[in-house]
Amino acid sequence: MRFISVVLVLIIATEILSGGEKEEKEKLKLLTDEFNASVKSEDWASACGRLRLIGELGTADSVFFLLSVALRYERSDLSDAVESGLLKAAEKESGRKTLSEVVRKGNDWRARILSLRTLIAKGGDSLFDVLMDALKDKTPRIVIEAVQALGMLGDLRAVSPLIEVLSAVEKEKGLIWVAVREALTAITRADFETADKWRTYWNVKEKEIAEAKKKGEEVKPLLGDIANPRTVLQEEVAKAPKFFGAEVLSRRIMFIIDVSSSMQAKDPEMERLADGALKPKGNIPENAAQDEWGGIIGLPPERARIERVKRELAKCVKELPPAVRFNIIAFSDKVKLWSPKLVKADDSAKSSALGWISALKADGDTHTDEALKAAFADPEVDTIYLLSDGQPFKSGTPVDVEPILEWVKSNNRFRKVVINTFGFENAKKTPNMDARAMMKLLKGLSDMTGGKFTDIYW
């Protein structure tokens, strides 16, 4: 009799569970139908609301649907709603488990990185194991974000795996190498240049820590004393090639250079005073004749913006380490690529690039949006150096920069390409030179991507 009762309880529980699953599937079907109808009618607020409700279900199917929306649509409001929905889904065990499986086994790297970011944001006991799996991913951006998260966690179990990652990438010394060095320092408060030195240090330190734990003693005094992990790479930064003073640490670089008509303008060399103000070097009369872009007509040819940029770019290319892969885009009303894809910075490639740079001439409008799209079309690129001297122009008409910023935000949500920007902030405003619009674009791009803006005044 007791056996029959247990069997009946199990049958009833299974039926209840099946009923619950059926109800969840019905809810998901209703919400996805409503989402699709909202998209069709372009009711984006409603569509975003449905995505958040889908996330609250926390089922595997709801997670897969949200990820499919993230991959299908480029609208930033839908992307934000997907992220909110995934965070809701991660509050439930089934949602977290599904996201973890996507990180480990997902076919699309964009789904894997979005799942990883969600789990990092939620935290929890299972995060460490997920990050360990992500260290083995073949997509550099996923590895970087896993490394950075491990650095923030501060878990000593991560030290040995991170040393092995360091060993695998130290010949290239790219962005993964930078991230690992900083993460190891964040965890141990120590720093060493090579994986071998790290192994020697950690073999000794790990035993000391184990012994201290046995005795119930504090571990922290056994670690180093570096307070800020960002300081550990100062020597490497000092040795790195520079482009107008900005260090080039990435190993997958795209230079984007404005060669529109305004780049013919000749600017006086400036010096920065103690109060931060800029003053022209030499005697430049206040009434000196200007060209249509605010440049000084009487200055020597080498003060032309295009010539200064060509000299600086050539110098940077010459200094690129052989492990770097790079390309160059020159744009005006046409977008020209030096190479169809990133090229290893060997002597032959540098020679070719230097000849191409030397032949650049300034003419035409400023199609900045098309240049950015060409750069993003190369999936290898992880860092962009964009130089421009003005607001985008097409057919002689100024172009609103907001759609350009929105496009980059949407298309960079997975890759997190860093865009360092360079401009002539103190260029005089003329009918053909709106410095405010230029700065809105250049500073907007660098701010949203974690890059840096550099004002060119020398």
Protein backbone atom coordinates (compact mmCIF):
# COMPACT_ATOMS: atom_id res chain seq x y z
CA MET A 1 0.00 0.00 0.00
CA ARG A 2 2.82 2.37 0.90
CA PHE A 3 4.53 1.56 -2.43
CA ILE A 4 1.34 2.45 -4.35
CA SER A 5 1.10 5.79 -2.48
CA VAL A 6 4.68 6.73 -3.41
CA VAL A 7 4.01 5.86 -7.06
CA LEU A 8 0.82 7.98 -7.04
CA VAL A 9 2.70 10.95 -5.53
CA LEU A 10 5.39 10.67 -8.20
CA ILE A 11 2.79 10.48 -10.98
CA ILE A 12 0.91 13.51 -9.62
CA ALA A 13 4.16 15.50 -9.24
CA THR A 14 5.15 14.66 -12.81
CA GLU A 15 1.74 15.76 -14.08
CA ILE A 16 1.98 19.04 -12.13
CA LEU A 17 5.48 19.65 -13.50
CA SER A 18 4.35 18.86 -17.04
CA GLY A 19 1.40 21.17 -16.58
CA GLY A 20 3.73 23.93 -15.37
CA GLU A 21 5.98 23.47 -18.35
CA LYS A 22 2.99 23.54 -20.69
CA GLU A 23 1.76 26.76 -19.12
CA GLU A 24 5.20 28.36 -19.49
CA LYS A 25 5.35 27.35 -23.15
CA GLU A 26 1.92 28.85 -23.72
CA LYS A 27 2.99 32.11 -22.04
CA LEU A 28 6.12 32.21 -24.15
CA LYS A 29 4.12 31.60 -27.33
CA LEU A 30 1.73 34.43 -26.45
CA LEU A 31 4.53 36.86 -25.62
CA THR A 32 6.59 36.03 -28.72
CA ASP A 33 3.51 36.48 -30.92
CA GLU A 34 2.89 39.86 -29.29
CA PHE A 35 6.55 40.81 -29.75
CA ASN A 36 6.45 39.92 -33.45
CA ALA A 37 3.22 41.89 -33.90
CA SER A 38 4.79 44.91 -32.17
CA VAL A 39 7.85 44.72 -34.42
CA LYS A 40 5.63 44.51 -37.50
CA SER A 41 3.74 47.62 -36.44
CA GLU A 42 6.98 49.32 -35.32
CA ASP A 43 5.66 49.73 -31.79
CA TRP A 44 9.13 49.49 -30.28
CA ALA A 45 8.13 50.38 -26.72
CA SER A 46 5.68 47.48 -26.68
CA ALA A 47 8.25 45.16 -28.24
CA CYS A 48 10.77 46.05 -25.51
CA GLY A 49 8.18 45.42 -22.84
CA ARG A 50 7.45 41.94 -24.20
CA LEU A 51 11.16 41.07 -24.19
CA ARG A 52 11.41 41.93 -20.50
CA LEU A 53 8.36 39.79 -19.73
CA ILE A 54 9.85 36.91 -21.72
CA GLY A 55 12.96 37.14 -19.55
CA GLU A 56 10.86 36.78 -16.39
CA LEU A 57 9.86 33.27 -17.52
CA GLY A 58 13.46 32.15 -16.98
CA THR A 59 13.11 29.05 -19.14
CA ALA A 60 15.61 27.69 -21.64
CA ASP A 61 13.29 28.55 -24.52
CA SER A 62 12.88 32.13 -23.28
CA VAL A 63 16.66 32.56 -23.08
CA PHE A 64 17.10 31.19 -26.60
CA PHE A 65 14.42 33.55 -27.93
CA LEU A 66 16.05 36.59 -26.30
CA LEU A 67 19.44 35.65 -27.72
CA SER A 68 17.94 35.21 -31.19
CA VAL A 69 16.44 38.71 -30.98
CA ALA A 70 19.83 40.11 -29.95
CA LEU A 71 21.44 38.56 -33.02
CA ARG A 72 18.66 39.53 -35.43
CA TYR A 73 18.04 43.21 -34.66
CA GLU A 74 20.44 46.16 -34.49
CA ARG A 75 18.20 48.59 -32.59
CA SER A 76 19.80 49.73 -29.33
CA ASP A 77 16.44 49.88 -27.50
CA LEU A 78 15.79 46.22 -28.32
CA SER A 79 19.36 45.35 -27.28
CA ASP A 80 18.83 47.05 -23.93
CA ALA A 81 15.54 45.20 -23.45
CA VAL A 82 17.19 41.87 -24.29
CA GLU A 83 19.90 42.53 -21.69
CA SER A 84 17.24 43.36 -19.09
CA GLY A 85 15.34 40.20 -20.00
CA LEU A 86 18.42 38.01 -19.73
CA LEU A 87 19.22 39.45 -16.31
CA LYS A 88 15.69 38.52 -15.23
CA ALA A 89 16.09 35.04 -16.68
CA ALA A 90 19.38 34.60 -14.79
CA GLU A 91 17.52 34.99 -11.51
CA LYS A 92 16.07 31.51 -12.06
CA GLU A 93 18.11 28.34 -11.95
CA SER A 94 16.95 27.16 -15.37
CA GLY A 95 17.89 30.52 -16.90
CA ARG A 96 21.36 30.51 -15.32
CA LYS A 97 21.95 26.93 -16.40
CA THR A 98 20.95 27.70 -19.98
CA LEU A 99 23.18 30.77 -20.13
CA SER A 100 26.10 28.73 -18.76
CA GLU A 101 25.58 26.08 -21.43
CA VAL A 102 25.53 28.75 -24.15
CA VAL A 103 28.87 30.10 -22.88
CA ARG A 104 30.34 26.60 -23.02
CA LYS A 105 28.79 25.23 -26.19
CA GLY A 106 27.06 28.02 -28.14
CA ASN A 107 27.82 28.08 -31.87
CA ASP A 108 27.60 31.87 -32.24
CA TRP A 109 30.26 33.88 -30.39
CA ARG A 110 27.85 36.80 -30.02
CA ALA A 111 25.42 34.62 -28.08
CA ARG A 112 28.27 33.30 -25.96
CA ILE A 113 29.55 36.75 -25.04
CA LEU A 114 26.08 38.10 -24.26
CA SER A 115 25.43 35.09 -22.03
CA LEU A 116 28.80 35.55 -20.34
CA ARG A 117 28.15 39.24 -19.65
CA THR A 118 24.79 38.39 -18.13
CA LEU A 119 26.31 35.83 -15.78
CA ILE A 120 29.12 38.19 -14.81
CA ALA A 121 26.56 40.88 -13.97
CA LYS A 122 24.55 38.45 -11.81
CA GLY A 123 27.56 36.91 -10.06
CA GLY A 124 27.00 33.86 -7.86
CA ASP A 125 28.85 30.72 -6.80
CA SER A 126 28.83 29.13 -10.26
CA LEU A 127 30.43 32.11 -12.01
CA PHE A 128 34.02 30.97 -11.40
CA ASP A 129 33.52 27.72 -13.32
CA VAL A 130 31.86 29.59 -16.20
CA LEU A 131 34.81 31.98 -16.40
CA MET A 132 37.24 29.05 -16.45
CA ASP A 133 35.40 27.67 -19.48
CA ALA A 134 35.39 31.09 -21.15
CA LEU A 135 39.20 31.28 -20.85
CA LYS A 136 39.35 28.46 -23.44
CA ASP A 137 37.16 30.28 -25.96
CA LYS A 138 38.67 31.01 -29.39
CA THR A 139 37.13 34.50 -29.55
CA PRO A 140 39.61 37.02 -28.08
CA ARG A 141 36.90 39.38 -26.79
CA ILE A 142 35.32 36.57 -24.73
CA VAL A 143 38.69 35.65 -23.23
CA ILE A 144 39.42 39.30 -22.36
CA GLU A 145 36.09 39.76 -20.59
CA ALA A 146 36.51 36.50 -18.68
CA VAL A 147 40.02 37.55 -17.61
CA GLN A 148 38.80 40.96 -16.48
CA ALA A 149 35.98 39.36 -14.48
CA LEU A 150 38.43 36.99 -12.79
CA GLY A 151 40.57 39.96 -11.83
CA MET A 152 37.55 41.58 -10.20
CA LEU A 153 36.58 38.36 -8.40
CA GLY A 154 40.02 38.12 -6.82
CA ASP A 155 39.79 34.34 -6.44
CA LEU A 156 43.26 32.83 -5.91
CA ARG A 157 42.17 29.68 -7.77
CA ALA A 158 42.36 31.72 -10.98
CA VAL A 159 46.08 32.46 -10.72
CA SER A 160 47.45 29.24 -12.26
CA PRO A 161 44.98 29.18 -15.19
CA LEU A 162 45.72 32.86 -15.89
CA ILE A 163 49.45 32.17 -15.92
CA GLU A 164 48.86 29.54 -18.60
CA VAL A 165 46.87 32.04 -20.68
CA LEU A 166 49.71 34.53 -20.25
CA SER A 167 52.18 31.93 -21.49
CA ALA A 168 50.09 31.32 -24.62
CA VAL A 169 49.86 35.01 -25.60
CA GLU A 170 53.09 36.59 -24.33
CA LYS A 171 54.85 36.40 -27.71
CA GLU A 172 52.13 38.53 -29.32
CA LYS A 173 51.66 40.84 -26.30
CA GLY A 174 48.21 41.98 -27.41
CA LEU A 175 45.10 43.01 -25.49
CA ILE A 176 44.66 39.56 -23.88
CA TRP A 177 48.21 39.79 -22.55
CA VAL A 178 47.47 43.24 -21.12
CA ALA A 179 44.25 42.00 -19.48
CA VAL A 180 45.96 38.94 -17.93
CA ARG A 181 48.84 40.99 -16.52
CA GLU A 182 46.38 43.37 -14.90
CA ALA A 183 44.15 40.54 -13.61
CA LEU A 184 47.06 38.67 -12.03
CA THR A 185 48.18 41.84 -10.29
CA ALA A 186 44.64 42.58 -9.12
CA ILE A 187 44.44 39.12 -7.52
CA THR A 188 47.96 38.79 -6.09
CA ARG A 189 49.09 42.44 -5.83
CA ALA A 190 52.35 41.29 -7.45
CA ASP A 191 53.67 41.63 -11.00
CA PHE A 192 56.12 39.79 -13.23
CA GLU A 193 56.92 40.26 -16.90
CA THR A 194 56.85 36.62 -18.04
CA ALA A 195 54.82 33.50 -17.45
CA ASP A 196 57.95 31.64 -16.29
CA LYS A 197 58.60 34.22 -13.57
CA TRP A 198 54.94 34.05 -12.54
CA ARG A 199 55.13 30.24 -12.27
CA THR A 200 58.25 30.42 -10.11
CA TYR A 201 56.62 32.98 -7.83
CA TRP A 202 53.30 31.18 -7.59
CA ASN A 203 54.78 27.73 -6.93
CA VAL A 204 56.32 29.12 -3.76
CA LYS A 205 53.48 31.43 -2.81
CA GLU A 206 50.77 28.79 -3.26
CA LYS A 207 52.47 26.53 -0.71
CA GLU A 208 52.82 29.42 1.74
CA ILE A 209 49.13 30.25 1.34
CA ALA A 210 48.07 26.62 1.86
CA GLU A 211 50.15 26.44 5.03
CA ALA A 212 48.70 29.71 6.31
CA LYS A 213 45.15 28.46 5.72
CA LYS A 214 45.90 25.28 7.68
CA LYS A 215 46.99 27.41 10.61
CA GLY A 216 44.00 29.70 10.26
CA GLU A 217 46.24 32.67 9.46
CA GLU A 218 45.56 35.64 7.18
CA VAL A 219 46.51 35.14 3.53
CA LYS A 220 46.62 38.81 2.50
CA PRO A 221 49.97 39.59 4.20
CA LEU A 222 51.58 36.90 2.03
CA LEU A 223 50.59 38.71 -1.18
CA GLY A 224 52.27 41.68 -2.86
CA ASP A 225 51.81 45.38 -2.24
CA ILE A 226 50.84 46.82 -5.63
CA ALA A 227 47.67 48.79 -4.98
CA ASN A 228 46.68 49.65 -8.56
CA PRO A 229 46.99 46.97 -11.27
CA ARG A 230 46.80 49.67 -13.98
CA THR A 231 50.35 50.74 -13.07
CA VAL A 232 52.01 47.43 -13.89
CA LEU A 233 52.25 48.09 -17.62
CA GLN A 234 53.81 51.54 -17.50
CA GLU A 235 57.08 50.26 -18.95
CA GLU A 236 55.29 48.50 -21.82
CA VAL A 237 53.20 51.60 -22.52
CA ALA A 238 56.36 53.71 -22.62
CA LYS A 239 57.90 51.36 -25.22
CA ALA A 240 54.75 51.07 -27.38
CA PRO A 241 54.47 52.83 -30.76
CA LYS A 242 52.63 56.13 -30.53
CA PHE A 243 50.15 57.86 -32.82
CA PHE A 244 49.98 61.53 -31.87
CA GLY A 245 51.00 60.53 -28.36
CA ALA A 246 48.46 57.71 -27.93
CA GLU A 247 50.07 54.33 -27.28
CA VAL A 248 49.33 51.46 -29.67
CA LEU A 249 49.01 48.32 -27.54
CA SER A 250 46.54 46.34 -29.62
CA ARG A 251 47.69 43.75 -32.14
CA ARG A 252 44.68 44.09 -34.50
CA ILE A 253 44.56 47.72 -35.59
CA MET A 254 42.69 49.81 -38.13
CA PHE A 255 43.81 53.38 -38.81
CA ILE A 256 41.07 55.57 -40.32
CA ILE A 257 42.40 58.82 -41.79
CA ASP A 258 40.32 61.76 -43.04
CA VAL A 259 41.68 63.00 -46.40
CA SER A 260 38.81 65.38 -47.22
CA SER A 261 39.43 68.85 -48.66
CA SER A 262 39.64 70.53 -45.25
CA MET A 263 42.75 68.49 -44.44
CA GLN A 264 44.60 70.91 -46.77
CA ALA A 265 44.25 73.60 -44.09
CA LYS A 266 47.49 74.79 -42.49
CA ASP A 267 47.43 75.39 -38.74
CA PRO A 268 50.05 77.19 -36.67
CA GLU A 269 51.96 75.11 -34.15
CA MET A 270 50.55 75.75 -30.68
CA GLU A 271 52.04 75.57 -27.21
CA ARG A 272 50.13 74.96 -23.99
CA LEU A 273 50.60 77.58 -21.28
CA ALA A 274 50.72 76.94 -17.54
CA ASP A 275 47.01 77.75 -17.21
CA GLY A 276 46.14 75.19 -19.89
CA ALA A 277 45.41 77.72 -22.60
CA LEU A 278 46.86 77.27 -26.09
CA LYS A 279 48.91 79.96 -27.79
CA PRO A 280 50.38 79.96 -31.33
CA LYS A 281 54.14 79.60 -31.46
CA GLY A 282 55.86 82.46 -33.29
CA ASN A 283 54.24 85.63 -34.56
CA ILE A 284 50.92 84.91 -36.27
CA PRO A 285 49.06 88.15 -37.04
CA GLU A 286 45.47 88.16 -35.82
CA ASN A 287 44.32 89.29 -39.24
CA ALA A 288 46.33 86.64 -41.11
CA ALA A 289 44.57 85.50 -44.27
CA GLN A 290 42.57 82.29 -43.79
CA ASP A 291 41.34 79.64 -46.16
CA GLU A 292 37.75 78.40 -46.22
CA TRP A 293 38.45 75.87 -43.45
CA GLY A 294 40.06 78.32 -41.01
CA GLY A 295 43.68 77.49 -41.86
CA ILE A 296 46.39 80.15 -42.23
CA ILE A 297 47.22 80.56 -45.93
CA GLY A 298 50.77 81.91 -45.44
CA LEU A 299 52.10 78.98 -43.40
CA PRO A 300 54.60 76.52 -44.96
CA PRO A 301 53.26 73.34 -46.68
CA GLU A 302 54.44 71.07 -43.83
CA ARG A 303 51.85 72.67 -41.52
CA ALA A 304 49.00 71.28 -43.65
CA ARG A 305 46.92 68.85 -41.57
CA ILE A 306 47.26 66.11 -44.17
CA GLU A 307 51.06 66.40 -44.15
CA ARG A 308 51.30 66.32 -40.36
CA VAL A 309 49.06 63.25 -40.24
CA LYS A 310 51.02 61.46 -42.96
CA ARG A 311 54.29 62.03 -41.07
CA GLU A 312 52.84 60.79 -37.79
CA LEU A 313 51.17 57.74 -39.35
CA ALA A 314 54.34 56.79 -41.22
CA LYS A 315 56.36 57.05 -38.01
CA CYS A 316 53.85 54.84 -36.15
CA VAL A 317 53.77 52.20 -38.92
CA LYS A 318 57.59 51.99 -38.91
CA GLU A 319 57.53 51.26 -35.15
CA LEU A 320 54.82 48.57 -35.19
CA PRO A 321 56.07 45.22 -33.81
CA PRO A 322 56.00 42.27 -36.24
CA ALA A 323 53.21 40.61 -34.24
CA VAL A 324 50.82 43.47 -35.04
CA ARG A 325 48.24 43.05 -37.80
CA PHE A 326 47.11 46.37 -39.23
CA ASN A 327 45.31 48.13 -42.05
CA ILE A 328 44.66 51.72 -43.12
CA ILE A 329 41.54 53.42 -44.44
CA ALA A 330 41.72 56.85 -46.09
CA PHE A 331 38.34 58.51 -46.60
CA SER A 332 36.79 61.58 -48.12
CA ASP A 333 33.76 61.11 -50.37
CA LYS A 334 35.34 57.76 -51.20
CA VAL A 335 36.62 55.07 -48.84
CA LYS A 336 39.96 53.54 -49.81
CA LEU A 337 41.61 50.60 -48.04
CA TRP A 338 45.33 50.01 -48.21
CA SER A 339 44.70 46.26 -47.94
CA PRO A 340 41.56 44.08 -48.21
CA LYS A 341 42.29 42.73 -44.70
CA LEU A 342 44.63 43.14 -41.74
CA VAL A 343 48.25 42.45 -42.63
CA LYS A 344 51.15 41.37 -40.43
CA ALA A 345 53.54 44.28 -39.85
CA ASP A 346 56.61 42.77 -41.49
CA ASP A 347 59.13 44.80 -43.48
CA SER A 348 57.41 44.19 -46.80
CA ALA A 349 54.00 45.30 -45.49
CA LYS A 350 55.46 48.38 -43.84
CA SER A 351 57.24 49.39 -47.05
CA SER A 352 54.00 49.05 -49.00
CA ALA A 353 52.01 50.99 -46.41
CA LEU A 354 54.55 53.81 -46.29
CA GLY A 355 54.37 54.25 -50.07
CA TRP A 356 50.56 54.31 -49.90
CA ILE A 357 50.58 56.87 -47.09
CA SER A 358 53.02 59.10 -48.97
CA ALA A 359 50.67 59.30 -51.96
CA LEU A 360 47.60 60.43 -49.96
CA LYS A 361 46.08 63.76 -51.02
CA ALA A 362 43.28 65.81 -49.46
CA ASP A 363 40.15 66.33 -51.55
CA GLY A 364 36.38 65.80 -51.35
CA ASP A 365 33.67 65.54 -48.68
CA THR A 366 33.81 63.73 -45.32
CA HIS A 367 31.98 60.36 -45.35
CA THR A 368 32.94 59.33 -41.83
CA ASP A 369 30.04 56.89 -41.48
CA GLU A 370 31.12 54.88 -44.52
CA ALA A 371 34.71 54.71 -43.25
CA LEU A 372 33.56 53.35 -39.89
CA LYS A 373 31.38 50.74 -41.61
CA ALA A 374 34.35 49.62 -43.70
CA ALA A 375 36.46 49.24 -40.56
CA PHE A 376 33.77 47.23 -38.75
CA ALA A 377 33.42 44.98 -41.81
CA ASP A 378 36.75 43.38 -40.86
CA PRO A 379 35.97 40.94 -38.02
CA GLU A 380 39.60 40.88 -36.83
CA VAL A 381 39.77 44.55 -35.87
CA ASP A 382 39.64 45.22 -32.12
CA THR A 383 41.04 48.76 -32.00
CA ILE A 384 40.48 51.74 -34.29
CA TYR A 385 42.46 54.97 -34.52
CA LEU A 386 40.15 57.49 -36.19
CA LEU A 387 41.45 60.92 -37.19
CA SER A 388 39.22 63.62 -38.66
CA ASP A 389 39.22 67.40 -38.78
CA GLY A 390 35.54 68.15 -39.18
CA GLN A 391 31.86 67.31 -39.19
CA PRO A 392 30.80 64.65 -41.71
CA PHE A 393 29.74 66.20 -45.04
CA LYS A 394 27.96 64.63 -48.01
CA SER A 395 27.27 66.48 -51.26
CA GLY A 396 28.42 69.67 -49.58
CA THR A 397 25.84 69.30 -46.80
CA PRO A 398 26.57 68.70 -43.08
CA VAL A 399 25.56 65.27 -41.80
CA ASP A 400 23.92 64.75 -38.40
CA VAL A 401 26.36 62.79 -36.20
CA GLU A 402 23.68 61.18 -33.99
CA PRO A 403 22.84 58.37 -36.46
CA ILE A 404 26.56 57.59 -36.76
CA LEU A 405 26.91 57.31 -32.99
CA GLU A 406 23.78 55.15 -32.82
CA TRP A 407 25.06 52.84 -35.57
CA VAL A 408 28.38 52.32 -33.80
CA LYS A 409 26.66 51.70 -30.46
CA SER A 410 24.43 49.07 -32.03
CA ASN A 411 27.09 47.34 -34.12
CA ASN A 412 29.71 47.39 -31.37
CA ARG A 413 27.56 45.84 -28.65
CA PHE A 414 29.18 42.42 -29.04
CA ARG A 415 32.70 43.20 -30.25
CA LYS A 416 33.51 46.15 -27.97
CA VAL A 417 35.98 47.59 -30.48
CA VAL A 418 37.91 50.42 -28.84
CA ILE A 419 37.87 53.63 -30.90
CA ASN A 420 40.59 56.16 -30.14
CA THR A 421 39.84 59.46 -31.85
CA PHE A 422 41.98 62.40 -32.93
CA GLY A 423 40.85 65.84 -33.99
CA PHE A 424 41.72 69.50 -34.25
CA GLU A 425 39.63 70.80 -31.36
CA ASN A 426 40.92 74.35 -31.67
CA ALA A 427 40.34 74.70 -35.39
CA LYS A 428 38.54 77.96 -36.14
CA LYS A 429 34.85 77.66 -36.91
CA THR A 430 33.89 78.66 -40.45
CA PRO A 431 30.82 77.96 -42.62
CA ASN A 432 32.63 74.78 -43.72
CA MET A 433 34.08 73.78 -40.33
CA ASP A 434 31.78 73.15 -37.35
CA ALA A 435 34.20 72.16 -34.60
CA ARG A 436 31.37 71.45 -32.13
CA ALA A 437 29.80 68.83 -34.38
CA MET A 438 33.23 67.29 -34.97
CA MET A 439 33.87 67.07 -31.23
CA LYS A 440 30.43 65.61 -30.54
CA LEU A 441 31.25 62.77 -32.92
CA LEU A 442 34.88 62.18 -31.96
CA LYS A 443 34.42 62.42 -28.20
CA GLY A 444 31.16 60.49 -28.42
CA LEU A 445 32.89 57.60 -30.19
CA SER A 446 35.83 57.46 -27.78
CA ASP A 447 33.64 57.81 -24.68
CA MET A 448 31.19 55.06 -25.65
CA THR A 449 33.90 52.55 -26.61
CA GLY A 450 36.43 53.06 -23.83
CA GLY A 451 38.87 54.87 -26.10
CA LYS A 452 40.61 58.20 -25.74
CA PHE A 453 40.28 61.50 -27.60
CA THR A 454 43.49 63.36 -28.49
CA ASP A 455 43.50 67.01 -29.49
CA ILE A 456 46.11 67.71 -32.19
CA TYR A 457 47.56 71.15 -31.70
CA TRP A 458 51.27 70.72 -32.33
